[in-house]
Structures are given as C-alpha cells and as structure tokens.
Amino acid sequence: MFEVVKGSEGEYRILNSRLIYQRIFDKTGKPTNKNIVHFTPESIENNDDKNIVKFRLNNFLFSEILYSVVAE
C-alpha cells in the first residue's frame, strides 16, 4: 500500500516512512525520464511539495499504526 501525492514539481509516491518516489512531469503534464528517490521529505527541493508530502506521510503512518492495532 502506498500514498500518492500530486505536487507542483511532480507526483510523489510514499512507499513507507523512508522511501518516497518522485515522478517528474514536463510542462504539458507528461512524465519525463527523470525520476528521483527521496529517503526523507527533507530532500524535496520545493517547499510547498515538501510540506504536503510531510503532512501526507504523517497521515499515512498514522493509518498504518491504526490498521495494525485494529487488526490485532
């Protein structure tokens, strides 16, 4: 399970707390060949995207914790 976040500099897939995959799009909205792997949200250059990813990462981790507690 992963979380997808759309930002101004691309699409971010939060795979877990230490792996964020960024797909970069060109000006027309088509994917480029340039993709970036982030190990923390701090390495995201765009501040707005960084804040959105941090917020969604916290929600993602919280839902993972809730799921593990409810599943037990």
N, C-alpha and C. Protein backbone atom coordinates (compact mmCIF):
# COMPACT_ATOMS: atom_id res chain seq x y z
N MET A 1 0.85 -1.17 0.00
CA MET A 1 0.00 0.00 0.00
C MET A 1 0.90 1.24 0.00
N PHE A 2 0.55 2.21 -0.82
CA PHE A 2 1.30 3.46 -0.84
C PHE A 2 0.35 4.62 -1.05
N GLU A 3 0.85 5.79 -0.74
CA GLU A 3 0.07 7.03 -0.83
C GLU A 3 0.61 7.85 -2.00
N VAL A 4 -0.27 8.39 -2.83
CA VAL A 4 0.14 9.22 -3.96
C VAL A 4 -0.20 10.67 -3.66
N VAL A 5 0.79 11.55 -3.82
CA VAL A 5 0.62 12.98 -3.57
C VAL A 5 1.01 13.71 -4.84
N LYS A 6 0.13 14.59 -5.32
CA LYS A 6 0.46 15.40 -6.50
C LYS A 6 0.94 16.76 -6.03
N GLY A 7 2.12 17.13 -6.46
CA GLY A 7 2.70 18.42 -6.11
C GLY A 7 2.96 19.25 -7.34
N SER A 8 3.53 20.42 -7.14
CA SER A 8 3.79 21.30 -8.28
C SER A 8 4.97 20.84 -9.12
N GLU A 9 5.85 20.03 -8.54
CA GLU A 9 7.02 19.55 -9.29
C GLU A 9 6.93 18.07 -9.65
N GLY A 10 5.76 17.48 -9.51
CA GLY A 10 5.61 16.09 -9.90
C GLY A 10 4.67 15.33 -9.00
N GLU A 11 4.74 14.02 -9.12
CA GLU A 11 3.90 13.13 -8.33
C GLU A 11 4.81 12.36 -7.37
N TYR A 12 4.40 12.29 -6.13
CA TYR A 12 5.19 11.62 -5.10
C TYR A 12 4.45 10.38 -4.64
N ARG A 13 5.14 9.25 -4.62
CA ARG A 13 4.57 8.01 -4.09
C ARG A 13 5.28 7.70 -2.78
N ILE A 14 4.51 7.75 -1.70
CA ILE A 14 5.07 7.45 -0.38
C ILE A 14 4.92 5.95 -0.17
N LEU A 15 6.03 5.23 -0.25
CA LEU A 15 6.00 3.78 -0.13
C LEU A 15 6.10 3.34 1.33
N ASN A 16 6.90 4.04 2.12
CA ASN A 16 6.99 3.83 3.56
C ASN A 16 7.65 5.07 4.16
N SER A 17 8.00 5.02 5.43
CA SER A 17 8.50 6.22 6.10
C SER A 17 9.87 6.66 5.59
N ARG A 18 10.58 5.79 4.89
CA ARG A 18 11.92 6.12 4.42
C ARG A 18 12.10 6.00 2.91
N LEU A 19 11.00 5.93 2.17
CA LEU A 19 11.13 5.80 0.72
C LEU A 19 10.01 6.55 0.02
N ILE A 20 10.39 7.62 -0.67
CA ILE A 20 9.44 8.45 -1.41
C ILE A 20 9.95 8.53 -2.85
N TYR A 21 9.12 8.12 -3.78
CA TYR A 21 9.48 8.08 -5.20
C TYR A 21 8.82 9.26 -5.90
N GLN A 22 9.60 10.10 -6.56
CA GLN A 22 9.08 11.28 -7.25
C GLN A 22 9.14 11.08 -8.75
N ARG A 23 7.99 11.20 -9.40
CA ARG A 23 7.92 11.20 -10.87
C ARG A 23 7.81 12.65 -11.31
N ILE A 24 8.68 13.06 -12.20
CA ILE A 24 8.70 14.44 -12.66
C ILE A 24 7.99 14.52 -14.01
N PHE A 25 7.14 15.54 -14.16
CA PHE A 25 6.38 15.76 -15.39
C PHE A 25 6.91 16.99 -16.11
N ASP A 26 6.76 17.02 -17.44
CA ASP A 26 7.14 18.21 -18.19
C ASP A 26 6.03 19.25 -18.12
N LYS A 27 6.19 20.34 -18.86
CA LYS A 27 5.22 21.44 -18.79
C LYS A 27 3.85 21.06 -19.34
N THR A 28 3.79 20.03 -20.18
CA THR A 28 2.50 19.60 -20.72
C THR A 28 1.81 18.55 -19.84
N GLY A 29 2.50 18.12 -18.79
CA GLY A 29 1.91 17.14 -17.88
C GLY A 29 2.26 15.70 -18.19
N LYS A 30 3.16 15.49 -19.15
CA LYS A 30 3.58 14.13 -19.48
C LYS A 30 4.80 13.74 -18.64
N PRO A 31 4.89 12.47 -18.24
CA PRO A 31 6.04 12.03 -17.44
C PRO A 31 7.35 12.15 -18.23
N THR A 32 8.40 12.55 -17.54
CA THR A 32 9.73 12.62 -18.14
C THR A 32 10.51 11.36 -17.74
N ASN A 33 11.72 11.25 -18.25
CA ASN A 33 12.58 10.12 -17.88
C ASN A 33 13.30 10.37 -16.56
N LYS A 34 13.15 11.57 -16.01
CA LYS A 34 13.84 11.91 -14.77
C LYS A 34 12.93 11.59 -13.58
N ASN A 35 13.38 10.69 -12.74
CA ASN A 35 12.68 10.33 -11.51
C ASN A 35 13.67 10.41 -10.36
N ILE A 36 13.17 10.73 -9.18
CA ILE A 36 14.04 10.89 -8.01
C ILE A 36 13.52 10.03 -6.87
N VAL A 37 14.44 9.41 -6.15
CA VAL A 37 14.08 8.67 -4.94
C VAL A 37 14.54 9.50 -3.75
N HIS A 38 13.62 9.79 -2.84
CA HIS A 38 13.92 10.53 -1.62
C HIS A 38 13.85 9.56 -0.44
N PHE A 39 14.79 9.68 0.47
CA PHE A 39 14.76 8.85 1.67
C PHE A 39 14.11 9.58 2.84
N THR A 40 14.00 10.89 2.74
CA THR A 40 13.26 11.70 3.71
C THR A 40 12.59 12.84 2.94
N PRO A 41 11.52 13.41 3.46
CA PRO A 41 10.90 14.55 2.78
C PRO A 41 11.81 15.78 2.74
N GLU A 42 12.81 15.83 3.60
CA GLU A 42 13.70 17.00 3.66
C GLU A 42 14.50 17.18 2.36
N SER A 43 14.66 16.13 1.58
CA SER A 43 15.43 16.26 0.34
C SER A 43 14.60 16.80 -0.83
N ILE A 44 13.30 17.00 -0.62
CA ILE A 44 12.45 17.59 -1.66
C ILE A 44 12.73 19.08 -1.72
N GLU A 45 13.09 19.58 -2.89
CA GLU A 45 13.52 20.98 -3.02
C GLU A 45 12.38 21.98 -2.89
N ASN A 46 11.24 21.71 -3.48
CA ASN A 46 10.11 22.64 -3.45
C ASN A 46 9.47 22.61 -2.06
N ASN A 47 9.43 23.76 -1.38
CA ASN A 47 8.92 23.81 -0.01
C ASN A 47 7.45 23.44 0.10
N ASP A 48 6.63 23.87 -0.86
CA ASP A 48 5.21 23.52 -0.82
C ASP A 48 5.02 22.01 -0.96
N ASP A 49 5.73 21.42 -1.91
CA ASP A 49 5.65 19.97 -2.09
C ASP A 49 6.17 19.24 -0.85
N LYS A 50 7.25 19.75 -0.28
CA LYS A 50 7.83 19.14 0.92
C LYS A 50 6.82 19.13 2.06
N ASN A 51 6.14 20.25 2.27
CA ASN A 51 5.15 20.33 3.35
C ASN A 51 3.96 19.41 3.11
N ILE A 52 3.51 19.33 1.86
CA ILE A 52 2.39 18.44 1.53
C ILE A 52 2.78 16.99 1.76
N VAL A 53 3.98 16.62 1.32
CA VAL A 53 4.45 15.24 1.49
C VAL A 53 4.62 14.91 2.98
N LYS A 54 5.16 15.85 3.76
CA LYS A 54 5.30 15.62 5.20
C LYS A 54 3.94 15.37 5.85
N PHE A 55 2.96 16.20 5.50
CA PHE A 55 1.62 16.06 6.07
C PHE A 55 1.02 14.71 5.69
N ARG A 56 1.09 14.35 4.41
CA ARG A 56 0.52 13.07 3.96
C ARG A 56 1.29 11.89 4.52
N LEU A 57 2.60 12.04 4.71
CA LEU A 57 3.40 10.98 5.31
C LEU A 57 2.95 10.71 6.74
N ASN A 58 2.69 11.77 7.49
CA ASN A 58 2.19 11.60 8.86
C ASN A 58 0.84 10.89 8.87
N ASN A 59 -0.05 11.28 7.98
CA ASN A 59 -1.36 10.62 7.88
C ASN A 59 -1.21 9.16 7.47
N PHE A 60 -0.31 8.90 6.53
CA PHE A 60 -0.05 7.54 6.06
C PHE A 60 0.46 6.66 7.21
N LEU A 61 1.42 7.17 7.97
CA LEU A 61 1.98 6.40 9.08
C LEU A 61 0.94 6.18 10.17
N PHE A 62 0.12 7.20 10.44
CA PHE A 62 -0.92 7.06 11.45
C PHE A 62 -1.93 5.99 11.04
N SER A 63 -2.32 5.97 9.77
CA SER A 63 -3.28 4.96 9.31
C SER A 63 -2.66 3.57 9.36
N GLU A 64 -1.36 3.45 9.10
CA GLU A 64 -0.68 2.16 9.21
C GLU A 64 -0.69 1.67 10.66
N ILE A 65 -0.47 2.57 11.59
CA ILE A 65 -0.49 2.21 13.02
C ILE A 65 -1.89 1.80 13.43
N LEU A 66 -2.88 2.58 13.01
CA LEU A 66 -4.27 2.23 13.34
C LEU A 66 -4.65 0.87 12.79
N TYR A 67 -4.25 0.59 11.56
CA TYR A 67 -4.57 -0.69 10.94
C TYR A 67 -3.94 -1.84 11.72
N SER A 68 -2.69 -1.65 12.16
CA SER A 68 -2.03 -2.73 12.89
C SER A 68 -2.66 -2.95 14.26
N VAL A 69 -3.15 -1.88 14.90
CA VAL A 69 -3.80 -2.02 16.20
C VAL A 69 -5.17 -2.68 16.05
N VAL A 70 -5.93 -2.26 15.05
CA VAL A 70 -7.27 -2.82 14.83
C VAL A 70 -7.18 -4.28 14.38
N ALA A 71 -6.16 -4.61 13.60
CA ALA A 71 -6.02 -5.97 13.07
C ALA A 71 -5.69 -6.98 14.17
N GLU A 72 -5.12 -6.52 15.27
CA GLU A 72 -4.76 -7.45 16.35
C GLU A 72 -5.92 -7.81 17.16
